[in-house]
Amino acid sequence: MRPGLRIDNLCDKIGRFSVGPISLSISEGEYLAILGPTGCGKTSLLRALCGLSPHATGTVVINDEQINGLPPNKRRIGYVTQLSDLFPHMTVRDNVEFGMAYLSVSKKEKADRIARYLNLFRLDNIAAQPAATVSGGEAKRTAMARALVIEPRLLLLDEPLGMLDYNGRKVMMDILKLIHTELKTTTIHVTHDRYEAWRVADTCAVMDEGKIVQTSSVNDLFRTPKSVFVADFLGGKNIFEAEFCGKTASVPWGAVELPCPVSESKGYIVIRPERLRISPDSNKSLLCSVNSKRDCGDYIEIICGIDRENVFYMHAPYDEAVNLSVGDKISVTWATDAVHVITGQP
């Protein structure tokens, strides 16, 4: 598959904060989510790609064309900001049409495109309403239609679901997935929500302090983080310092069998909360106390105390944990392949 976007040594400086150097390549039609904490440089990266940052250096290539030096309106990049930035006095339809202001297309093609994207984003019935009167979800869909009506080579979404309520976010995630399946626009979706990234993206990159620290498929990223930072940010939670000897890890509370031998002497092990189970066989598991429990709807989060200093976080199936009380003793177990090893720097 041909490259859709290639970034080589992109750097930018905003006050005292530096972004980069960043090198990244994604295929044409790929959906990449960039995850990272607030302030790590995600929005700055998008602005540099758009040409909105005058101090950015490095090389940006889209579909084999180097776009460095091109003004924003010549890059054919669709950009949806966190606040949508609609013109409140204009109708939904006029906001979508405004996206085509710099395109040289016939009146018929313009009308056809506007109709298509209003329909794709379920905006037909509010097309004549002023943007100031629409809901948050409708405003987001309008902003996305405006960005995509130009049929961009690259779509940039900056926290596109951040202003929506829980149900609105779920609906919008489904819409994004369906529309990407149909249009196959190369997309970068910035978020700090790992569940959002898991739902919509093919590939994930994690960003920290202005740099990309890991990139891989969504499943690989969640299951095989390369650092303690990535594991913790993605909800690994159960992270313990370890000393390795072949297929055994010595941790502060005992010994853990590893899925394969480890040649390094020290590092960390990670066991995700959803991989832990309550076991009826106390001889093959670890005895813990229930320190707290929280009903999360489709699972129950339990904090299990091994001793005063060491705890496990568990996402237990509702039926298995609903009757547990704080102070109860439970036996906790996990499969050997649930243990992930991190070596080198944290």
C-alpha atoms as a PDB file:
ATOM      1  CA  MET A   1       0.000   0.000   0.000  1.00  0.00           C
ATOM      2  CA  ARG A   2       1.348   3.414  -0.900  1.00  0.00           C
ATOM      3  CA  PRO A   3       2.294   5.870   1.851  1.00  0.00           C
ATOM      4  CA  GLY A   4      -0.430   8.383   2.655  1.00  0.00           C
ATOM      5  CA  LEU A   5       1.673  10.511   5.000  1.00  0.00           C
ATOM      6  CA  ARG A   6       5.377  10.570   5.789  1.00  0.00           C
ATOM      7  CA  ILE A   7       6.847  12.861   8.432  1.00  0.00           C
ATOM      8  CA  ASP A   8      10.641  13.166   8.717  1.00  0.00           C
ATOM      9  CA  ASN A   9      12.281  14.952  11.653  1.00  0.00           C
ATOM     10  CA  LEU A  10       9.412  17.367  12.219  1.00  0.00           C
ATOM     11  CA  CYS A  11      10.237  19.872  14.974  1.00  0.00           C
ATOM     12  CA  ASP A  12       8.413  22.858  16.366  1.00  0.00           C
ATOM     13  CA  LYS A  13       8.902  25.185  19.325  1.00  0.00           C
ATOM     14  CA  ILE A  14       6.102  26.966  21.147  1.00  0.00           C
ATOM     15  CA  GLY A  15       7.543  29.162  23.867  1.00  0.00           C
ATOM     16  CA  ARG A  16       9.617  26.861  26.069  1.00  0.00           C
ATOM     17  CA  PHE A  17       7.877  23.712  24.826  1.00  0.00           C
ATOM     18  CA  SER A  18       9.423  21.698  21.992  1.00  0.00           C
ATOM     19  CA  VAL A  19       7.764  19.166  19.730  1.00  0.00           C
ATOM     20  CA  GLY A  20       9.898  16.556  18.019  1.00  0.00           C
ATOM     21  CA  PRO A  21      11.883  15.424  16.332  1.00  0.00           C
ATOM     22  CA  ILE A  22       9.014  13.294  15.036  1.00  0.00           C
ATOM     23  CA  SER A  23       9.271  10.770  12.212  1.00  0.00           C
ATOM     24  CA  LEU A  24       6.152   8.840  11.301  1.00  0.00           C
ATOM     25  CA  SER A  25       4.669   7.093   8.294  1.00  0.00           C
ATOM     26  CA  ILE A  26       1.108   5.884   7.739  1.00  0.00           C
ATOM     27  CA  SER A  27      -0.429   4.214   4.717  1.00  0.00           C
ATOM     28  CA  GLU A  28      -2.973   5.836   2.434  1.00  0.00           C
ATOM     29  CA  GLY A  29      -6.433   5.244   3.880  1.00  0.00           C
ATOM     30  CA  GLU A  30      -5.135   4.357   7.347  1.00  0.00           C
ATOM     31  CA  TYR A  31      -6.771   5.652  10.535  1.00  0.00           C
ATOM     32  CA  LEU A  32      -4.137   6.607  13.126  1.00  0.00           C
ATOM     33  CA  ALA A  33      -4.975   7.656  16.670  1.00  0.00           C
ATOM     34  CA  ILE A  34      -2.408   9.672  18.606  1.00  0.00           C
ATOM     35  CA  LEU A  35      -2.805   9.196  22.348  1.00  0.00           C
ATOM     36  CA  GLY A  36      -1.152  11.235  25.024  1.00  0.00           C
ATOM     37  CA  PRO A  37      -1.720  13.255  28.177  1.00  0.00           C
ATOM     38  CA  THR A  38      -2.812  16.881  28.116  1.00  0.00           C
ATOM     39  CA  GLY A  39       0.070  19.155  27.151  1.00  0.00           C
ATOM     40  CA  CYS A  40       2.203  16.520  25.424  1.00  0.00           C
ATOM     41  CA  GLY A  41       2.140  18.317  22.036  1.00  0.00           C
ATOM     42  CA  LYS A  42      -0.663  16.564  20.134  1.00  0.00           C
ATOM     43  CA  THR A  43      -2.400  19.749  18.953  1.00  0.00           C
ATOM     44  CA  SER A  44       0.945  21.391  18.150  1.00  0.00           C
ATOM     45  CA  LEU A  45       1.771  18.469  15.861  1.00  0.00           C
ATOM     46  CA  LEU A  46      -1.526  18.857  13.973  1.00  0.00           C
ATOM     47  CA  ARG A  47      -1.013  22.608  13.573  1.00  0.00           C
ATOM     48  CA  ALA A  48       2.461  22.011  12.174  1.00  0.00           C
ATOM     49  CA  LEU A  49       1.076  19.532   9.635  1.00  0.00           C
ATOM     50  CA  CYS A  50      -1.572  22.072   8.578  1.00  0.00           C
ATOM     51  CA  GLY A  51       0.966  24.809   8.045  1.00  0.00           C
ATOM     52  CA  LEU A  52      -0.411  26.899  10.905  1.00  0.00           C
ATOM     53  CA  SER A  53       2.886  26.984  12.812  1.00  0.00           C
ATOM     54  CA  PRO A  54       5.458  29.275  11.164  1.00  0.00           C
ATOM     55  CA  HIS A  55       8.405  27.845  13.101  1.00  0.00           C
ATOM     56  CA  ALA A  56       7.968  24.161  12.190  1.00  0.00           C
ATOM     57  CA  THR A  57      10.870  22.424  10.461  1.00  0.00           C
ATOM     58  CA  GLY A  58      11.281  18.998   8.890  1.00  0.00           C
ATOM     59  CA  THR A  59       9.664  17.263   5.938  1.00  0.00           C
ATOM     60  CA  VAL A  60       5.992  16.420   5.430  1.00  0.00           C
ATOM     61  CA  VAL A  61       4.975  14.348   2.389  1.00  0.00           C
ATOM     62  CA  ILE A  62       1.360  13.511   1.497  1.00  0.00           C
ATOM     63  CA  ASN A  63       0.694  11.042  -1.327  1.00  0.00           C
ATOM     64  CA  ASP A  64       4.289  11.465  -2.562  1.00  0.00           C
ATOM     65  CA  GLU A  65       4.056  15.294  -2.670  1.00  0.00           C
ATOM     66  CA  GLN A  66       6.198  17.351  -0.318  1.00  0.00           C
ATOM     67  CA  ILE A  67       4.004  20.076   1.138  1.00  0.00           C
ATOM     68  CA  ASN A  68       6.598  22.068   3.094  1.00  0.00           C
ATOM     69  CA  GLY A  69       6.221  25.759   2.355  1.00  0.00           C
ATOM     70  CA  LEU A  70       2.681  25.473   1.020  1.00  0.00           C
ATOM     71  CA  PRO A  71       0.116  27.751   2.690  1.00  0.00           C
ATOM     72  CA  PRO A  72      -2.653  25.970   4.633  1.00  0.00           C
ATOM     73  CA  ASN A  73      -5.263  26.433   1.889  1.00  0.00           C
ATOM     74  CA  LYS A  74      -3.011  24.702  -0.671  1.00  0.00           C
ATOM     75  CA  ARG A  75      -2.301  21.556   1.375  1.00  0.00           C
ATOM     76  CA  ARG A  76      -5.711  19.882   0.932  1.00  0.00           C
ATOM     77  CA  ILE A  77      -5.842  18.939   4.589  1.00  0.00           C
ATOM     78  CA  GLY A  78      -9.137  18.812   6.460  1.00  0.00           C
ATOM     79  CA  TYR A  79      -8.812  19.982  10.057  1.00  0.00           C
ATOM     80  CA  VAL A  80     -11.436  19.735  12.812  1.00  0.00           C
ATOM     81  CA  THR A  81     -10.472  21.632  15.948  1.00  0.00           C
ATOM     82  CA  GLN A  82     -11.531  20.847  19.501  1.00  0.00           C
ATOM     83  CA  LEU A  83     -14.174  23.611  19.479  1.00  0.00           C
ATOM     84  CA  SER A  84     -15.477  22.919  15.915  1.00  0.00           C
ATOM     85  CA  ASP A  85     -15.155  26.659  15.094  1.00  0.00           C
ATOM     86  CA  LEU A  86     -18.377  27.009  13.119  1.00  0.00           C
ATOM     87  CA  PHE A  87     -19.664  30.388  11.931  1.00  0.00           C
ATOM     88  CA  PRO A  88     -22.641  30.822  14.285  1.00  0.00           C
ATOM     89  CA  HIS A  89     -24.570  33.252  12.044  1.00  0.00           C
ATOM     90  CA  MET A  90     -24.388  30.903   9.043  1.00  0.00           C
ATOM     91  CA  THR A  91     -26.572  27.873   8.460  1.00  0.00           C
ATOM     92  CA  VAL A  92     -25.287  24.328   8.761  1.00  0.00           C
ATOM     93  CA  ARG A  93     -25.332  24.032   4.963  1.00  0.00           C
ATOM     94  CA  ASP A  94     -23.423  27.296   4.501  1.00  0.00           C
ATOM     95  CA  ASN A  95     -20.794  26.182   7.024  1.00  0.00           C
ATOM     96  CA  VAL A  96     -20.271  22.975   5.057  1.00  0.00           C
ATOM     97  CA  GLU A  97     -20.115  24.921   1.780  1.00  0.00           C
ATOM     98  CA  PHE A  98     -17.520  27.274   3.256  1.00  0.00           C
ATOM     99  CA  GLY A  99     -15.078  24.389   3.314  1.00  0.00           C
ATOM    100  CA  MET A 100     -15.029  24.572  -0.486  1.00  0.00           C
ATOM    101  CA  ALA A 101     -14.269  28.299  -0.651  1.00  0.00           C
ATOM    102  CA  TYR A 102     -10.812  27.720  -2.136  1.00  0.00           C
ATOM    103  CA  LEU A 103     -11.760  24.894  -4.531  1.00  0.00           C
ATOM    104  CA  SER A 104     -12.232  25.407  -8.258  1.00  0.00           C
ATOM    105  CA  VAL A 105     -15.227  23.166  -8.942  1.00  0.00           C
ATOM    106  CA  SER A 106     -18.425  23.574 -10.935  1.00  0.00           C
ATOM    107  CA  LYS A 107     -21.675  24.646  -9.279  1.00  0.00           C
ATOM    108  CA  LYS A 108     -23.114  21.173  -9.887  1.00  0.00           C
ATOM    109  CA  GLU A 109     -20.174  19.375  -8.317  1.00  0.00           C
ATOM    110  CA  LYS A 110     -20.259  21.749  -5.362  1.00  0.00           C
ATOM    111  CA  ALA A 111     -23.976  21.135  -4.845  1.00  0.00           C
ATOM    112  CA  ASP A 112     -23.531  17.372  -5.226  1.00  0.00           C
ATOM    113  CA  ARG A 113     -20.726  17.260  -2.692  1.00  0.00           C
ATOM    114  CA  ILE A 114     -22.591  19.372  -0.150  1.00  0.00           C
ATOM    115  CA  ALA A 115     -25.656  17.143  -0.475  1.00  0.00           C
ATOM    116  CA  ARG A 116     -23.531  14.016  -0.114  1.00  0.00           C
ATOM    117  CA  TYR A 117     -21.766  15.118   3.060  1.00  0.00           C
ATOM    118  CA  LEU A 118     -24.887  16.534   4.669  1.00  0.00           C
ATOM    119  CA  ASN A 119     -26.420  13.095   4.128  1.00  0.00           C
ATOM    120  CA  LEU A 120     -23.347  11.172   5.327  1.00  0.00           C
ATOM    121  CA  PHE A 121     -23.303  13.072   8.606  1.00  0.00           C
ATOM    122  CA  ARG A 122     -27.105  12.987   9.070  1.00  0.00           C
ATOM    123  CA  LEU A 123     -27.449  16.747   8.758  1.00  0.00           C
ATOM    124  CA  ASP A 124     -30.150  17.013   6.081  1.00  0.00           C
ATOM    125  CA  ASN A 125     -32.933  17.852   8.501  1.00  0.00           C
ATOM    126  CA  ILE A 126     -31.000  20.711  10.144  1.00  0.00           C
ATOM    127  CA  ALA A 127     -29.202  22.052   7.060  1.00  0.00           C
ATOM    128  CA  ALA A 128     -31.173  25.309   7.118  1.00  0.00           C
ATOM    129  CA  GLN A 129     -30.668  25.964  10.847  1.00  0.00           C
ATOM    130  CA  PRO A 130     -28.166  28.587  12.050  1.00  0.00           C
ATOM    131  CA  ALA A 131     -25.105  26.875  13.493  1.00  0.00           C
ATOM    132  CA  ALA A 132     -25.642  28.741  16.769  1.00  0.00           C
ATOM    133  CA  THR A 133     -28.830  26.719  17.396  1.00  0.00           C
ATOM    134  CA  VAL A 134     -27.523  23.169  16.926  1.00  0.00           C
ATOM    135  CA  SER A 135     -26.436  20.712  19.624  1.00  0.00           C
ATOM    136  CA  GLY A 136     -22.837  19.841  20.423  1.00  0.00           C
ATOM    137  CA  GLY A 137     -23.029  16.576  18.483  1.00  0.00           C
ATOM    138  CA  GLU A 138     -24.589  18.301  15.473  1.00  0.00           C
ATOM    139  CA  ALA A 139     -21.884  20.971  15.564  1.00  0.00           C
ATOM    140  CA  LYS A 140     -19.196  18.274  15.517  1.00  0.00           C
ATOM    141  CA  ARG A 141     -20.826  16.516  12.583  1.00  0.00           C
ATOM    142  CA  THR A 142     -21.083  19.842  10.734  1.00  0.00           C
ATOM    143  CA  ALA A 143     -17.393  20.572  11.321  1.00  0.00           C
ATOM    144  CA  MET A 144     -16.445  17.109  10.074  1.00  0.00           C
ATOM    145  CA  ALA A 145     -18.629  17.465   6.977  1.00  0.00           C
ATOM    146  CA  ARG A 146     -16.979  20.841   6.273  1.00  0.00           C
ATOM    147  CA  ALA A 147     -13.523  19.261   6.600  1.00  0.00           C
ATOM    148  CA  LEU A 148     -14.345  16.295   4.365  1.00  0.00           C
ATOM    149  CA  VAL A 149     -16.338  18.102   1.653  1.00  0.00           C
ATOM    150  CA  ILE A 150     -13.039  19.249   0.123  1.00  0.00           C
ATOM    151  CA  GLU A 151     -12.146  15.535  -0.208  1.00  0.00           C
ATOM    152  CA  PRO A 152      -8.825  16.057   1.569  1.00  0.00           C
ATOM    153  CA  ARG A 153      -5.742  13.940   1.199  1.00  0.00           C
ATOM    154  CA  LEU A 154      -5.399  13.995   4.979  1.00  0.00           C
ATOM    155  CA  LEU A 155      -7.999  14.515   7.724  1.00  0.00           C
ATOM    156  CA  LEU A 156      -6.868  15.804  11.144  1.00  0.00           C
ATOM    157  CA  LEU A 157      -9.229  15.461  14.112  1.00  0.00           C
ATOM    158  CA  ASP A 158      -8.223  17.252  17.309  1.00  0.00           C
ATOM    159  CA  GLU A 159     -10.095  15.758  20.291  1.00  0.00           C
ATOM    160  CA  PRO A 160     -13.222  15.525  18.093  1.00  0.00           C
ATOM    161  CA  LEU A 161     -15.363  13.911  20.802  1.00  0.00           C
ATOM    162  CA  GLY A 162     -14.090  15.847  23.795  1.00  0.00           C
ATOM    163  CA  MET A 163     -17.104  18.159  24.178  1.00  0.00           C
ATOM    164  CA  LEU A 164     -19.751  15.432  23.871  1.00  0.00           C
ATOM    165  CA  ASP A 165     -21.622  13.483  26.530  1.00  0.00           C
ATOM    166  CA  TYR A 166     -21.198   9.719  26.928  1.00  0.00           C
ATOM    167  CA  ASN A 167     -23.979   8.697  24.519  1.00  0.00           C
ATOM    168  CA  GLY A 168     -22.975  11.366  22.027  1.00  0.00           C
ATOM    169  CA  ARG A 169     -19.420  10.049  22.048  1.00  0.00           C
ATOM    170  CA  LYS A 170     -20.572   6.487  21.377  1.00  0.00           C
ATOM    171  CA  VAL A 171     -22.756   7.630  18.458  1.00  0.00           C
ATOM    172  CA  MET A 172     -19.968   9.744  16.987  1.00  0.00           C
ATOM    173  CA  MET A 173     -17.441   6.897  17.253  1.00  0.00           C
ATOM    174  CA  ASP A 174     -19.778   4.692  15.215  1.00  0.00           C
ATOM    175  CA  ILE A 175     -20.274   7.464  12.643  1.00  0.00           C
ATOM    176  CA  LEU A 176     -16.521   8.023  12.323  1.00  0.00           C
ATOM    177  CA  LYS A 177     -15.897   4.314  11.810  1.00  0.00           C
ATOM    178  CA  LEU A 178     -18.647   3.959   9.199  1.00  0.00           C
ATOM    179  CA  ILE A 179     -17.594   7.047   7.265  1.00  0.00           C
ATOM    180  CA  HIS A 180     -13.944   6.043   7.272  1.00  0.00           C
ATOM    181  CA  THR A 181     -14.911   2.613   5.971  1.00  0.00           C
ATOM    182  CA  GLU A 182     -16.734   4.311   3.078  1.00  0.00           C
ATOM    183  CA  LEU A 183     -14.357   7.186   2.261  1.00  0.00           C
ATOM    184  CA  LYS A 184     -11.022   5.670   3.344  1.00  0.00           C
ATOM    185  CA  THR A 185      -9.540   9.120   3.966  1.00  0.00           C
ATOM    186  CA  THR A 186      -6.107   9.018   5.597  1.00  0.00           C
ATOM    187  CA  THR A 187      -6.859  10.201   9.125  1.00  0.00           C
ATOM    188  CA  ILE A 188      -5.039  11.306  12.260  1.00  0.00           C
ATOM    189  CA  HIS A 189      -7.280  11.401  15.328  1.00  0.00           C
ATOM    190  CA  VAL A 190      -5.832  13.030  18.452  1.00  0.00           C
ATOM    191  CA  THR A 191      -7.248  12.015  21.828  1.00  0.00           C
ATOM    192  CA  HIS A 192      -6.337  11.295  25.440  1.00  0.00           C
ATOM    193  CA  ASP A 193      -9.067   8.625  25.692  1.00  0.00           C
ATOM    194  CA  ARG A 194      -7.684   5.118  25.168  1.00  0.00           C
ATOM    195  CA  TYR A 195     -11.140   3.574  24.675  1.00  0.00           C
ATOM    196  CA  GLU A 196     -11.894   6.076  21.915  1.00  0.00           C
ATOM    197  CA  ALA A 197      -8.645   5.191  20.147  1.00  0.00           C
ATOM    198  CA  TRP A 198      -9.358   1.477  20.485  1.00  0.00           C
ATOM    199  CA  ARG A 199     -12.838   1.897  18.970  1.00  0.00           C
ATOM    200  CA  VAL A 200     -11.965   3.951  15.888  1.00  0.00           C
ATOM    201  CA  ALA A 201      -8.324   3.456  14.906  1.00  0.00           C
ATOM    202  CA  ASP A 202      -6.282   0.912  12.951  1.00  0.00           C
ATOM    203  CA  THR A 203      -2.991   2.103  14.383  1.00  0.00           C
ATOM    204  CA  CYS A 204      -2.033   3.974  17.561  1.00  0.00           C
ATOM    205  CA  ALA A 205       0.871   6.208  18.490  1.00  0.00           C
ATOM    206  CA  VAL A 206       1.559   7.332  22.062  1.00  0.00           C
ATOM    207  CA  MET A 207       3.033  10.794  22.561  1.00  0.00           C
ATOM    208  CA  ASP A 208       4.836  12.149  25.615  1.00  0.00           C
ATOM    209  CA  GLU A 209       6.672  15.429  26.146  1.00  0.00           C
ATOM    210  CA  GLY A 210       6.620  16.340  22.457  1.00  0.00           C
ATOM    211  CA  LYS A 211       7.803  12.984  21.128  1.00  0.00           C
ATOM    212  CA  ILE A 212       6.191   9.797  19.845  1.00  0.00           C
ATOM    213  CA  VAL A 213       7.325   7.011  22.148  1.00  0.00           C
ATOM    214  CA  GLN A 214       5.584   3.993  20.557  1.00  0.00           C
ATOM    215  CA  THR A 215       3.577   3.212  17.417  1.00  0.00           C
ATOM    216  CA  SER A 216       1.893  -0.073  16.540  1.00  0.00           C
ATOM    217  CA  SER A 217      -1.469  -1.647  15.797  1.00  0.00           C
ATOM    218  CA  VAL A 218      -4.126  -0.892  18.399  1.00  0.00           C
ATOM    219  CA  ASN A 219      -4.129  -4.423  19.827  1.00  0.00           C
ATOM    220  CA  ASP A 220      -0.332  -4.682  19.966  1.00  0.00           C
ATOM    221  CA  LEU A 221      -0.035  -1.322  21.678  1.00  0.00           C
ATOM    222  CA  PHE A 222      -2.429  -2.275  24.456  1.00  0.00           C
ATOM    223  CA  ARG A 223      -1.016  -5.783  24.923  1.00  0.00           C
ATOM    224  CA  THR A 224       2.714  -5.146  24.474  1.00  0.00           C
ATOM    225  CA  PRO A 225       3.655  -1.650  25.699  1.00  0.00           C
ATOM    226  CA  LYS A 226       7.371  -0.941  25.424  1.00  0.00           C
ATOM    227  CA  SER A 227       7.677   1.260  28.498  1.00  0.00           C
ATOM    228  CA  VAL A 228       6.174   1.748  31.934  1.00  0.00           C
ATOM    229  CA  PHE A 229       4.806   5.133  30.811  1.00  0.00           C
ATOM    230  CA  VAL A 230       2.907   3.577  27.906  1.00  0.00           C
ATOM    231  CA  ALA A 231       1.649   0.665  30.024  1.00  0.00           C
ATOM    232  CA  ASP A 232       0.400   2.996  32.742  1.00  0.00           C
ATOM    233  CA  PHE A 233      -1.174   5.493  30.334  1.00  0.00           C
ATOM    234  CA  LEU A 234      -3.051   2.691  28.581  1.00  0.00           C
ATOM    235  CA  GLY A 235      -4.482   1.384  31.839  1.00  0.00           C
ATOM    236  CA  GLY A 236      -2.050  -1.433  32.618  1.00  0.00           C
ATOM    237  CA  LYS A 237      -2.172  -0.426  36.297  1.00  0.00           C
ATOM    238  CA  ASN A 238      -0.681  -3.681  37.626  1.00  0.00           C
ATOM    239  CA  ILE A 239       2.981  -2.803  37.064  1.00  0.00           C
ATOM    240  CA  PHE A 240       5.650  -4.324  39.316  1.00  0.00           C
ATOM    241  CA  GLU A 241       9.440  -4.105  39.420  1.00  0.00           C
ATOM    242  CA  ALA A 242      10.931  -7.532  38.736  1.00  0.00           C
ATOM    243  CA  GLU A 243      14.157  -9.507  38.646  1.00  0.00           C
ATOM    244  CA  PHE A 244      14.263 -12.156  35.943  1.00  0.00           C
ATOM    245  CA  CYS A 245      15.751 -15.642  35.915  1.00  0.00           C
ATOM    246  CA  GLY A 246      14.798 -17.554  32.793  1.00  0.00           C
ATOM    247  CA  LYS A 247      10.998 -17.967  32.804  1.00  0.00           C
ATOM    248  CA  THR A 248      10.517 -16.667  36.345  1.00  0.00           C
ATOM    249  CA  ALA A 249      10.130 -13.116  37.622  1.00  0.00           C
ATOM    250  CA  SER A 250      10.718 -12.254  41.252  1.00  0.00           C
ATOM    251  CA  VAL A 251       8.413  -9.418  42.309  1.00  0.00           C
ATOM    252  CA  PRO A 252       7.900  -7.756  45.717  1.00  0.00           C
ATOM    253  CA  TRP A 253       5.136 -10.192  46.672  1.00  0.00           C
ATOM    254  CA  GLY A 254       6.458 -13.470  45.229  1.00  0.00           C
ATOM    255  CA  ALA A 255       7.368 -15.243  41.992  1.00  0.00           C
ATOM    256  CA  VAL A 256       5.550 -15.091  38.645  1.00  0.00           C
ATOM    257  CA  GLU A 257       5.807 -17.519  35.744  1.00  0.00           C
ATOM    258  CA  LEU A 258       6.643 -15.813  32.445  1.00  0.00           C
ATOM    259  CA  PRO A 259       5.398 -16.828  28.970  1.00  0.00           C
ATOM    260  CA  CYS A 260       8.996 -17.068  27.692  1.00  0.00           C
ATOM    261  CA  PRO A 261      12.558 -16.781  29.062  1.00  0.00           C
ATOM    262  CA  VAL A 262      13.974 -13.273  29.602  1.00  0.00           C
ATOM    263  CA  SER A 263      17.700 -12.655  29.160  1.00  0.00           C
ATOM    264  CA  GLU A 264      17.827  -9.315  31.003  1.00  0.00           C
ATOM    265  CA  SER A 265      18.211  -9.352  34.762  1.00  0.00           C
ATOM    266  CA  LYS A 266      15.835  -6.543  35.758  1.00  0.00           C
ATOM    267  CA  GLY A 267      12.725  -4.798  34.486  1.00  0.00           C
ATOM    268  CA  TYR A 268       8.980  -4.790  35.048  1.00  0.00           C
ATOM    269  CA  ILE A 269       5.978  -7.036  34.576  1.00  0.00           C
ATOM    270  CA  VAL A 270       2.515  -5.813  33.600  1.00  0.00           C
ATOM    271  CA  ILE A 271      -0.797  -7.650  34.011  1.00  0.00           C
ATOM    272  CA  ARG A 272      -3.820  -5.791  32.671  1.00  0.00           C
ATOM    273  CA  PRO A 273      -6.846  -5.623  35.025  1.00  0.00           C
ATOM    274  CA  GLU A 274      -9.138  -7.439  32.601  1.00  0.00           C
ATOM    275  CA  ARG A 275      -6.791 -10.449  32.505  1.00  0.00           C
ATOM    276  CA  LEU A 276      -7.161 -11.179  36.238  1.00  0.00           C
ATOM    277  CA  ARG A 277      -9.751 -13.702  37.409  1.00  0.00           C
ATOM    278  CA  ILE A 278     -11.279 -14.827  40.691  1.00  0.00           C
ATOM    279  CA  SER A 279     -10.318 -18.481  41.188  1.00  0.00           C
ATOM    280  CA  PRO A 280     -12.114 -21.144  43.242  1.00  0.00           C
ATOM    281  CA  ASP A 281      -8.796 -23.005  43.634  1.00  0.00           C
ATOM    282  CA  SER A 282      -6.778 -21.258  46.340  1.00  0.00           C
ATOM    283  CA  ASN A 283      -3.830 -23.621  45.801  1.00  0.00           C
ATOM    284  CA  LYS A 284      -3.171 -22.225  42.289  1.00  0.00           C
ATOM    285  CA  SER A 285      -3.730 -18.538  42.930  1.00  0.00           C
ATOM    286  CA  LEU A 286      -2.827 -15.566  45.081  1.00  0.00           C
ATOM    287  CA  LEU A 287      -4.815 -14.807  48.214  1.00  0.00           C
ATOM    288  CA  CYS A 288      -5.914 -11.147  48.414  1.00  0.00           C
ATOM    289  CA  SER A 289      -8.288  -8.937  50.379  1.00  0.00           C
ATOM    290  CA  VAL A 290     -10.965  -6.824  48.703  1.00  0.00           C
ATOM    291  CA  ASN A 291      -9.894  -3.260  49.524  1.00  0.00           C
ATOM    292  CA  SER A 292     -12.586  -1.590  47.415  1.00  0.00           C
ATOM    293  CA  LYS A 293     -15.082  -2.339  44.636  1.00  0.00           C
ATOM    294  CA  ARG A 294     -16.812  -0.124  42.094  1.00  0.00           C
ATOM    295  CA  ASP A 295     -19.648  -1.071  39.761  1.00  0.00           C
ATOM    296  CA  CYS A 296     -18.689   0.017  36.229  1.00  0.00           C
ATOM    297  CA  GLY A 297     -21.782  -1.395  34.536  1.00  0.00           C
ATOM    298  CA  ASP A 298     -20.421  -4.241  32.426  1.00  0.00           C
ATOM    299  CA  TYR A 299     -17.705  -5.157  34.935  1.00  0.00           C
ATOM    300  CA  ILE A 300     -16.777  -4.483  38.556  1.00  0.00           C
ATOM    301  CA  GLU A 301     -13.456  -2.869  39.364  1.00  0.00           C
ATOM    302  CA  ILE A 302     -11.882  -4.403  42.450  1.00  0.00           C
ATOM    303  CA  ILE A 303      -8.737  -3.223  44.198  1.00  0.00           C
ATOM    304  CA  CYS A 304      -7.208  -6.303  45.826  1.00  0.00           C
ATOM    305  CA  GLY A 305      -4.638  -5.955  48.583  1.00  0.00           C
ATOM    306  CA  ILE A 306      -1.830  -8.524  48.672  1.00  0.00           C
ATOM    307  CA  ASP A 307      -0.299  -6.692  51.623  1.00  0.00           C
ATOM    308  CA  ARG A 308      -0.157  -3.077  52.744  1.00  0.00           C
ATOM    309  CA  GLU A 309       2.120  -1.976  49.897  1.00  0.00           C
ATOM    310  CA  ASN A 310       1.096  -4.162  46.952  1.00  0.00           C
ATOM    311  CA  VAL A 311      -2.309  -4.122  45.273  1.00  0.00           C
ATOM    312  CA  PHE A 312      -3.911  -5.473  42.114  1.00  0.00           C
ATOM    313  CA  TYR A 313      -6.565  -3.759  40.019  1.00  0.00           C
ATOM    314  CA  MET A 314      -9.065  -6.259  38.615  1.00  0.00           C
ATOM    315  CA  HIS A 315     -11.945  -5.872  36.158  1.00  0.00           C
ATOM    316  CA  ALA A 316     -14.102  -8.788  37.264  1.00  0.00           C
ATOM    317  CA  PRO A 317     -17.203 -10.051  35.435  1.00  0.00           C
ATOM    318  CA  TYR A 318     -20.319  -8.665  37.107  1.00  0.00           C
ATOM    319  CA  ASP A 319     -21.800 -12.042  38.079  1.00  0.00           C
ATOM    320  CA  GLU A 320     -18.556 -13.170  39.740  1.00  0.00           C
ATOM    321  CA  ALA A 321     -18.046 -10.076  41.865  1.00  0.00           C
ATOM    322  CA  VAL A 322     -21.433  -8.501  42.562  1.00  0.00           C
ATOM    323  CA  ASN A 323     -21.800 -10.175  45.970  1.00  0.00           C
ATOM    324  CA  LEU A 324     -18.282  -9.424  47.229  1.00  0.00           C
ATOM    325  CA  SER A 325     -17.809  -7.011  50.117  1.00  0.00           C
ATOM    326  CA  VAL A 326     -14.855  -4.943  51.272  1.00  0.00           C
ATOM    327  CA  GLY A 327     -12.710  -7.114  53.528  1.00  0.00           C
ATOM    328  CA  ASP A 328     -13.587 -10.405  51.804  1.00  0.00           C
ATOM    329  CA  LYS A 329     -10.739 -12.780  50.953  1.00  0.00           C
ATOM    330  CA  ILE A 330     -10.510 -13.871  47.311  1.00  0.00           C
ATOM    331  CA  SER A 331      -8.110 -15.967  45.275  1.00  0.00           C
ATOM    332  CA  VAL A 332      -6.776 -14.139  42.216  1.00  0.00           C
ATOM    333  CA  THR A 333      -5.272 -15.876  39.194  1.00  0.00           C
ATOM    334  CA  TRP A 334      -4.220 -15.148  35.595  1.00  0.00           C
ATOM    335  CA  ALA A 335      -2.980 -17.008  32.541  1.00  0.00           C
ATOM    336  CA  THR A 336       0.769 -17.105  31.961  1.00  0.00           C
ATOM    337  CA  ASP A 337       0.394 -15.272  28.642  1.00  0.00           C
ATOM    338  CA  ALA A 338      -1.299 -12.373  30.502  1.00  0.00           C
ATOM    339  CA  VAL A 339       2.106 -11.386  31.909  1.00  0.00           C
ATOM    340  CA  HIS A 340       3.909  -8.800  29.782  1.00  0.00           C
ATOM    341  CA  VAL A 341       7.599  -8.031  30.332  1.00  0.00           C
ATOM    342  CA  ILE A 342       9.180  -4.590  29.985  1.00  0.00           C
ATOM    343  CA  THR A 343      12.951  -4.284  30.016  1.00  0.00           C
ATOM    344  CA  GLY A 344      15.294  -1.345  29.596  1.00  0.00           C
ATOM    345  CA  GLN A 345      14.310   2.188  30.543  1.00  0.00           C
ATOM    346  CA  PRO A 346      10.866   2.744  32.112  1.00  0.00           C
END
